Amino acid sequence: MSLITYLTRIHFADRALEDALPSEMTRHQISRPLLIASESTTQSDALDRLLDTIPATIAPATFVLPDTSETTADRASVIALLAEAESDGIVAFGGLRALDLARTVSRRQVPVITIPTRTNSVGLGPLGQSVKGVPSLRADLPVAVLCDATLTLDAGPLTTAAAGMDALVHCLESYLSTTFNPPADGIALDGLRRAVVNLEQAVQDGTDIAARREMLIAALDAGLAGEKGFGGIEAAAHGLESVFDARHGVLHSALVSEFLAFNAPAVSDRFTVLREVLGLPEGADLADALSRLGHRVGLPLRLSEIGVDAALVPTAARTAAADPSSRTNPRHVTERDYERIMRAAL
């Protein structure tokens, strides 16, 4: 098993769940864990694997997070359960919402272990839209992250495509962000390359563990590089998702072209490096290559293809302009800019 000690303790290996979870619970003296699990983990053997891995002498309190629910109510329920069970640690298991929720309800004395089952978030980096609407939230750094590609095999093609494009855009926008952090730039470029090379195969053959593993590395890279912040694509997607029901990551391929064009005056010098990393010829249309990749894995080229209506744009633009991801976009993006870009992407 590979142990990465960068920002936190990260175990990366197939079957890392069984190998690392008991040792990390012992390391952090977790004897009364609260398990926060995505509903999707109950639809395969993933949750059973987790429960079988926890020592038999330990009976965790469990909160299954519905795939669609109201975040404020979920947080209240988890905080109450945390106190009632007198939990001394949290194990977050599943997708973005479960990992983010755990990071926002923990306490200094209650360590969090995150175990991703999707390839867009490992529980590092900025919080997602599902919890950003709740004021005064902070995201604690997990004490350990367990990256096990075998836990991602049950994801269907659309889930895989959306999660993979989300990780890809996180890497892209972290590299282009205004924050100065050269080590994170290198990590972002590594994740971007891995995502571009492996996303199609992971979508086409869900049993290809090598492709799944590479996409999980891309998600890990995105979380580590996310220390720099993201940008306008992420903010615009959050804004649109606040008024239109879409899985996070689905809208990215329709937004990437307009945002790269908008940001070009500030960061076009970095496009040369991006083309080299992605194996594109000099002068190739970077935005077209990325949006076409999204299209090949089943994501829309235009927002209107999945029913986004122009009437939704003003509210979405207002939300996007207030999103924290917008602050690190290479160019300042106003509400009017977001509205124009969203309309152009319809």
Protein backbone atom coordinates (compact mmCIF):
# COMPACT_ATOMS: atom_id res chain seq x y z
CA MET A 1 0.00 0.00 0.00
CA SER A 2 1.18 3.53 -0.77
CA LEU A 3 1.02 6.06 2.07
CA ILE A 4 1.16 9.69 0.97
CA THR A 5 1.77 12.24 3.72
CA TYR A 6 0.96 15.50 1.96
CA LEU A 7 -1.55 17.77 3.76
CA THR A 8 -2.81 14.68 5.56
CA ARG A 9 -2.37 10.89 5.59
CA ILE A 10 -3.54 9.41 2.28
CA HIS A 11 -3.68 5.65 1.69
CA PHE A 12 -3.85 4.79 -2.01
CA ALA A 13 -4.25 1.16 -3.04
CA ASP A 14 -6.82 -1.37 -4.14
CA ARG A 15 -8.45 -2.81 -1.00
CA ALA A 16 -7.12 0.13 1.02
CA LEU A 17 -10.45 0.06 2.87
CA GLU A 18 -9.74 -3.25 4.56
CA ASP A 19 -6.03 -2.59 5.04
CA ALA A 20 -6.09 0.95 6.39
CA LEU A 21 -9.38 1.69 8.13
CA PRO A 22 -8.80 -0.38 11.31
CA SER A 23 -5.26 0.99 11.70
CA GLU A 24 -6.38 4.61 11.23
CA MET A 25 -9.21 4.15 13.74
CA THR A 26 -6.68 2.81 16.23
CA ARG A 27 -4.19 5.57 15.43
CA HIS A 28 -6.78 8.25 16.19
CA GLN A 29 -8.38 6.35 19.10
CA ILE A 30 -11.79 6.12 17.44
CA SER A 31 -13.92 3.62 19.35
CA ARG A 32 -17.38 5.17 18.86
CA PRO A 33 -17.46 6.24 15.21
CA LEU A 34 -20.29 8.02 13.46
CA LEU A 35 -20.61 6.68 9.92
CA ILE A 36 -21.96 9.12 7.30
CA ALA A 37 -22.69 7.10 4.16
CA SER A 38 -24.11 8.14 0.80
CA GLU A 39 -27.36 6.41 -0.09
CA SER A 40 -25.69 5.04 -3.24
CA THR A 41 -23.33 2.93 -1.10
CA THR A 42 -26.30 0.87 0.11
CA GLN A 43 -27.10 -0.21 -3.44
CA SER A 44 -23.98 -2.37 -3.80
CA ASP A 45 -21.76 -4.33 -1.44
CA ALA A 46 -19.69 -1.23 -0.64
CA LEU A 47 -21.36 -0.42 2.67
CA ASP A 48 -21.27 -4.07 3.74
CA ARG A 49 -17.53 -4.10 3.00
CA LEU A 50 -17.07 -1.07 5.23
CA LEU A 51 -19.12 -2.48 8.10
CA ASP A 52 -17.26 -5.81 7.87
CA THR A 53 -13.96 -3.91 8.10
CA ILE A 54 -14.82 -2.10 11.34
CA PRO A 55 -13.73 -4.24 14.33
CA ALA A 56 -16.56 -6.46 15.61
CA THR A 57 -16.34 -4.89 19.07
CA ILE A 58 -17.36 -1.51 17.62
CA ALA A 59 -20.97 -0.64 16.70
CA PRO A 60 -20.97 2.62 14.75
CA ALA A 61 -23.83 5.06 14.77
CA THR A 62 -24.92 5.39 11.14
CA PHE A 63 -26.46 8.19 9.10
CA VAL A 64 -27.37 7.33 5.52
CA LEU A 65 -27.41 10.54 3.50
CA PRO A 66 -30.19 10.60 0.88
CA ASP A 67 -29.00 11.37 -2.65
CA THR A 68 -31.34 14.35 -2.71
CA SER A 69 -32.12 16.10 0.54
CA GLU A 70 -31.88 19.46 2.26
CA THR A 71 -28.40 20.18 3.58
CA THR A 72 -29.37 22.24 6.63
CA ALA A 73 -31.68 19.49 7.87
CA ASP A 74 -29.04 16.85 7.20
CA ARG A 75 -26.46 18.80 9.19
CA ALA A 76 -28.85 19.22 12.09
CA SER A 77 -29.61 15.49 12.12
CA VAL A 78 -25.93 14.54 11.99
CA ILE A 79 -24.94 17.00 14.71
CA ALA A 80 -27.70 15.63 16.96
CA LEU A 81 -26.65 12.04 16.27
CA LEU A 82 -23.00 12.93 16.89
CA ALA A 83 -23.91 14.21 20.36
CA GLU A 84 -26.39 11.44 21.16
CA ALA A 85 -23.92 8.68 20.27
CA GLU A 86 -21.05 10.52 21.96
CA SER A 87 -19.01 9.74 18.86
CA ASP A 88 -15.27 10.25 19.02
CA GLY A 89 -14.68 10.10 15.26
CA ILE A 90 -16.43 10.33 11.90
CA VAL A 91 -16.05 8.00 8.94
CA ALA A 92 -17.40 9.60 5.76
CA PHE A 93 -18.11 7.08 3.01
CA GLY A 94 -19.43 7.82 -0.47
CA GLY A 95 -19.63 10.79 -2.79
CA LEU A 96 -19.09 14.52 -2.59
CA ARG A 97 -22.08 15.36 -0.34
CA ALA A 98 -21.22 12.78 2.33
CA LEU A 99 -17.55 13.76 2.47
CA ASP A 100 -18.33 17.48 2.58
CA LEU A 101 -21.00 17.04 5.23
CA ALA A 102 -18.57 15.20 7.49
CA ARG A 103 -15.96 17.93 7.09
CA THR A 104 -18.43 20.60 8.23
CA VAL A 105 -19.87 18.87 11.31
CA SER A 106 -16.63 17.65 12.85
CA ARG A 107 -15.16 19.14 15.98
CA ARG A 108 -11.51 19.59 16.93
CA GLN A 109 -11.71 16.52 19.15
CA VAL A 110 -13.65 14.49 16.53
CA PRO A 111 -11.33 13.40 13.70
CA VAL A 112 -12.70 12.65 10.23
CA ILE A 113 -11.66 9.82 7.92
CA THR A 114 -12.91 10.18 4.34
CA ILE A 115 -13.38 7.22 1.99
CA PRO A 116 -14.48 8.24 -1.53
CA THR A 117 -16.56 5.96 -3.74
CA ARG A 118 -16.63 8.39 -6.68
CA THR A 119 -13.79 9.93 -8.67
CA ASN A 120 -14.54 13.64 -8.24
CA SER A 121 -13.77 14.26 -4.55
CA VAL A 122 -11.66 12.58 -1.91
CA GLY A 123 -12.64 14.98 0.86
CA LEU A 124 -9.96 17.59 0.18
CA GLY A 125 -10.13 21.04 -1.36
CA PRO A 126 -12.99 23.57 -1.42
CA LEU A 127 -16.48 22.55 -0.34
CA GLY A 128 -19.07 21.70 -2.97
CA GLN A 129 -22.31 23.53 -3.72
CA SER A 130 -24.37 21.23 -1.49
CA VAL A 131 -23.02 22.89 1.66
CA LYS A 132 -22.00 26.33 0.42
CA GLY A 133 -25.47 27.70 0.95
CA VAL A 134 -25.14 27.19 4.70
CA PRO A 135 -23.49 30.23 6.32
CA SER A 136 -20.42 30.16 8.55
CA LEU A 137 -19.25 26.70 7.53
CA ARG A 138 -15.63 25.68 7.67
CA ALA A 139 -14.15 22.55 6.17
CA ASP A 140 -11.86 20.57 8.45
CA LEU A 141 -9.00 18.63 6.92
CA PRO A 142 -9.56 14.88 7.33
CA VAL A 143 -6.98 13.09 9.43
CA ALA A 144 -6.86 10.35 6.81
CA VAL A 145 -8.12 9.69 3.29
CA LEU A 146 -8.54 6.13 2.02
CA CYS A 147 -8.44 5.93 -1.79
CA ASP A 148 -9.57 2.48 -2.95
CA ALA A 149 -10.42 2.24 -6.66
CA THR A 150 -12.37 -1.00 -6.14
CA LEU A 151 -15.01 1.06 -4.31
CA THR A 152 -15.71 3.09 -7.49
CA LEU A 153 -16.59 0.17 -9.77
CA ASP A 154 -20.35 0.36 -9.23
CA ALA A 155 -20.68 3.87 -10.71
CA GLY A 156 -22.60 3.95 -13.99
CA PRO A 157 -21.46 5.72 -17.19
CA LEU A 158 -23.13 9.09 -16.50
CA THR A 159 -21.96 9.17 -12.89
CA THR A 160 -18.43 8.28 -14.00
CA ALA A 161 -18.46 10.88 -16.79
CA ALA A 162 -19.75 13.68 -14.56
CA ALA A 163 -17.36 12.87 -11.70
CA GLY A 164 -14.42 12.58 -14.06
CA MET A 165 -15.17 15.87 -15.80
CA ASP A 166 -15.55 17.53 -12.40
CA ALA A 167 -12.08 16.33 -11.35
CA LEU A 168 -10.67 17.41 -14.72
CA VAL A 169 -12.09 20.92 -14.38
CA HIS A 170 -10.89 21.18 -10.78
CA CYS A 171 -7.35 20.46 -12.00
CA LEU A 172 -7.68 22.84 -14.94
CA GLU A 173 -9.01 25.71 -12.86
CA SER A 174 -6.57 25.16 -10.01
CA TYR A 175 -3.69 25.43 -12.48
CA LEU A 176 -5.13 28.65 -13.95
CA SER A 177 -6.19 30.21 -10.63
CA THR A 178 -4.76 33.46 -9.32
CA THR A 179 -3.15 31.86 -6.26
CA PHE A 180 0.65 31.44 -6.38
CA ASN A 181 1.50 27.83 -5.52
CA PRO A 182 3.94 26.14 -7.96
CA PRO A 183 3.82 22.69 -6.26
CA ALA A 184 0.03 22.68 -6.60
CA ASP A 185 0.41 23.64 -10.27
CA GLY A 186 2.43 20.50 -10.89
CA ILE A 187 -0.13 18.35 -9.09
CA ALA A 188 -2.96 19.95 -11.09
CA LEU A 189 -1.22 19.25 -14.39
CA ASP A 190 -0.65 15.61 -13.42
CA GLY A 191 -4.34 15.18 -12.58
CA LEU A 192 -5.45 16.90 -15.77
CA ARG A 193 -3.29 14.62 -17.90
CA ARG A 194 -4.52 11.48 -16.16
CA ALA A 195 -8.16 12.53 -16.50
CA VAL A 196 -7.90 13.34 -20.21
CA VAL A 197 -6.11 10.07 -20.98
CA ASN A 198 -8.38 7.77 -18.93
CA LEU A 199 -11.87 9.28 -18.72
CA GLU A 200 -13.26 7.72 -21.89
CA GLN A 201 -12.05 4.25 -20.97
CA ALA A 202 -13.45 4.53 -17.44
CA VAL A 203 -16.85 5.48 -18.86
CA GLN A 204 -16.87 2.87 -21.64
CA ASP A 205 -15.74 -0.02 -19.43
CA GLY A 206 -16.78 0.36 -15.83
CA THR A 207 -14.86 -2.79 -14.88
CA ASP A 208 -11.50 -1.43 -16.05
CA ILE A 209 -9.82 -1.08 -12.67
CA ALA A 210 -6.71 0.53 -14.16
CA ALA A 211 -8.78 3.36 -15.68
CA ARG A 212 -10.76 3.75 -12.47
CA ARG A 213 -7.55 3.92 -10.49
CA GLU A 214 -6.18 6.64 -12.76
CA MET A 215 -9.39 8.66 -12.40
CA LEU A 216 -9.16 8.33 -8.62
CA ILE A 217 -5.60 9.66 -8.79
CA ALA A 218 -6.96 12.59 -10.83
CA ALA A 219 -9.55 13.23 -8.11
CA LEU A 220 -6.84 13.09 -5.45
CA ASP A 221 -4.70 15.51 -7.46
CA ALA A 222 -7.71 17.80 -7.81
CA GLY A 223 -8.24 17.80 -4.05
CA LEU A 224 -4.59 18.54 -3.31
CA ALA A 225 -4.29 21.23 -5.99
CA GLY A 226 -7.63 22.66 -4.85
CA GLU A 227 -5.70 24.45 -2.11
CA LYS A 228 -5.26 27.12 -4.83
CA GLY A 229 -9.02 27.47 -5.35
CA PHE A 230 -11.02 26.87 -8.51
CA GLY A 231 -12.58 29.32 -10.97
CA GLY A 232 -15.50 30.47 -13.06
CA ILE A 233 -16.53 27.12 -14.51
CA GLU A 234 -17.05 25.69 -11.04
CA ALA A 235 -18.83 28.86 -9.87
CA ALA A 236 -21.10 28.94 -12.93
CA ALA A 237 -21.96 25.26 -12.52
CA HIS A 238 -22.87 25.89 -8.88
CA GLY A 239 -25.06 28.80 -9.91
CA LEU A 240 -26.88 26.81 -12.58
CA GLU A 241 -27.30 23.81 -10.29
CA SER A 242 -29.01 26.05 -7.74
CA VAL A 243 -31.88 26.57 -10.22
CA PHE A 244 -31.63 23.46 -12.43
CA ASP A 245 -31.46 19.83 -11.32
CA ALA A 246 -28.22 18.47 -12.75
CA ARG A 247 -25.59 16.13 -11.36
CA HIS A 248 -22.46 18.12 -10.54
CA GLY A 249 -19.99 17.83 -13.43
CA VAL A 250 -22.60 17.40 -16.16
CA LEU A 251 -22.57 21.10 -17.11
CA HIS A 252 -18.81 21.59 -17.20
CA SER A 253 -18.18 20.57 -20.81
CA ALA A 254 -20.76 23.11 -22.00
CA LEU A 255 -19.11 25.89 -20.00
CA VAL A 256 -15.41 25.23 -20.59
CA SER A 257 -15.14 26.81 -24.04
CA GLU A 258 -16.70 30.14 -23.07
CA PHE A 259 -14.68 30.41 -19.86
CA LEU A 260 -11.34 29.61 -21.47
CA ALA A 261 -12.08 32.30 -24.06
CA PHE A 262 -13.00 34.76 -21.29
CA ASN A 263 -9.85 33.95 -19.30
CA ALA A 264 -7.46 33.88 -22.26
CA PRO A 265 -6.35 37.53 -21.96
CA ALA A 266 -5.04 36.78 -18.47
CA VAL A 267 -3.61 33.27 -18.84
CA SER A 268 -3.13 32.46 -22.53
CA ASP A 269 0.60 31.95 -21.83
CA ARG A 270 -0.38 28.94 -19.71
CA PHE A 271 -2.36 27.39 -22.56
CA THR A 272 0.93 26.36 -24.20
CA VAL A 273 1.82 24.23 -21.18
CA LEU A 274 -1.67 22.76 -21.12
CA ARG A 275 -1.42 21.75 -24.78
CA GLU A 276 1.94 20.08 -24.13
CA VAL A 277 0.61 18.17 -21.12
CA LEU A 278 -2.42 16.99 -23.08
CA GLY A 279 -0.43 16.05 -26.17
CA LEU A 280 -2.11 18.61 -28.41
CA PRO A 281 -0.28 20.22 -31.34
CA GLU A 282 0.88 23.82 -31.11
CA GLY A 283 -2.00 26.20 -31.69
CA ALA A 284 -4.67 23.51 -31.16
CA ASP A 285 -8.02 24.66 -29.79
CA LEU A 286 -7.70 23.65 -26.14
CA ALA A 287 -11.29 24.49 -25.27
CA ASP A 288 -12.64 22.47 -28.19
CA ALA A 289 -10.53 19.45 -27.20
CA LEU A 290 -11.87 19.46 -23.65
CA SER A 291 -15.51 20.10 -24.54
CA ARG A 292 -15.38 17.40 -27.22
CA LEU A 293 -13.99 14.96 -24.67
CA GLY A 294 -17.00 15.71 -22.51
CA HIS A 295 -19.31 15.15 -25.45
CA ARG A 296 -17.69 11.79 -26.25
CA VAL A 297 -18.45 10.55 -22.73
CA GLY A 298 -22.09 11.63 -22.95
CA LEU A 299 -22.03 15.16 -21.53
CA PRO A 300 -23.71 18.07 -23.33
CA LEU A 301 -21.90 20.53 -25.60
CA ARG A 302 -24.64 23.10 -25.00
CA LEU A 303 -26.65 23.78 -21.86
CA SER A 304 -29.89 23.79 -23.84
CA GLU A 305 -29.33 20.15 -24.81
CA ILE A 306 -30.41 19.07 -21.33
CA GLY A 307 -33.15 21.66 -20.89
CA VAL A 308 -31.43 24.66 -19.26
CA ASP A 309 -33.70 27.61 -20.09
CA ALA A 310 -32.62 31.22 -20.60
CA ALA A 311 -35.10 32.32 -17.93
CA LEU A 312 -32.93 30.60 -15.30
CA VAL A 313 -29.78 32.49 -16.22
CA PRO A 314 -30.17 35.75 -14.23
CA THR A 315 -30.62 33.94 -10.90
CA ALA A 316 -27.86 31.45 -11.72
CA ALA A 317 -25.49 34.30 -12.66
CA ARG A 318 -26.18 36.11 -9.40
CA THR A 319 -25.41 32.98 -7.39
CA ALA A 320 -22.27 32.27 -9.41
CA ALA A 321 -20.89 35.76 -8.88
CA ALA A 322 -21.13 35.25 -5.10
CA ASP A 323 -19.54 31.78 -5.18
CA PRO A 324 -16.12 31.49 -3.48
CA SER A 325 -14.69 29.72 -6.55
CA SER A 326 -15.17 32.92 -8.51
CA ARG A 327 -12.63 34.75 -6.35
CA THR A 328 -9.69 32.78 -7.77
CA ASN A 329 -10.73 32.90 -11.43
CA PRO A 330 -7.88 34.39 -13.56
CA ARG A 331 -10.07 37.38 -14.46
CA HIS A 332 -12.61 39.13 -12.28
CA VAL A 333 -16.06 37.86 -13.29
CA THR A 334 -19.06 40.09 -12.65
CA GLU A 335 -22.67 39.00 -12.45
CA ARG A 336 -23.16 40.48 -15.90
CA ASP A 337 -20.19 38.47 -17.22
CA TYR A 338 -21.67 35.26 -15.84
CA GLU A 339 -25.00 36.03 -17.44
CA ARG A 340 -23.39 36.68 -20.81
CA ILE A 341 -21.25 33.55 -20.64
CA MET A 342 -24.17 31.35 -19.59
CA ARG A 343 -26.33 32.66 -22.42
CA ALA A 344 -23.53 32.02 -24.90
CA ALA A 345 -23.29 28.44 -23.63
CA LEU A 346 -27.03 27.71 -24.06
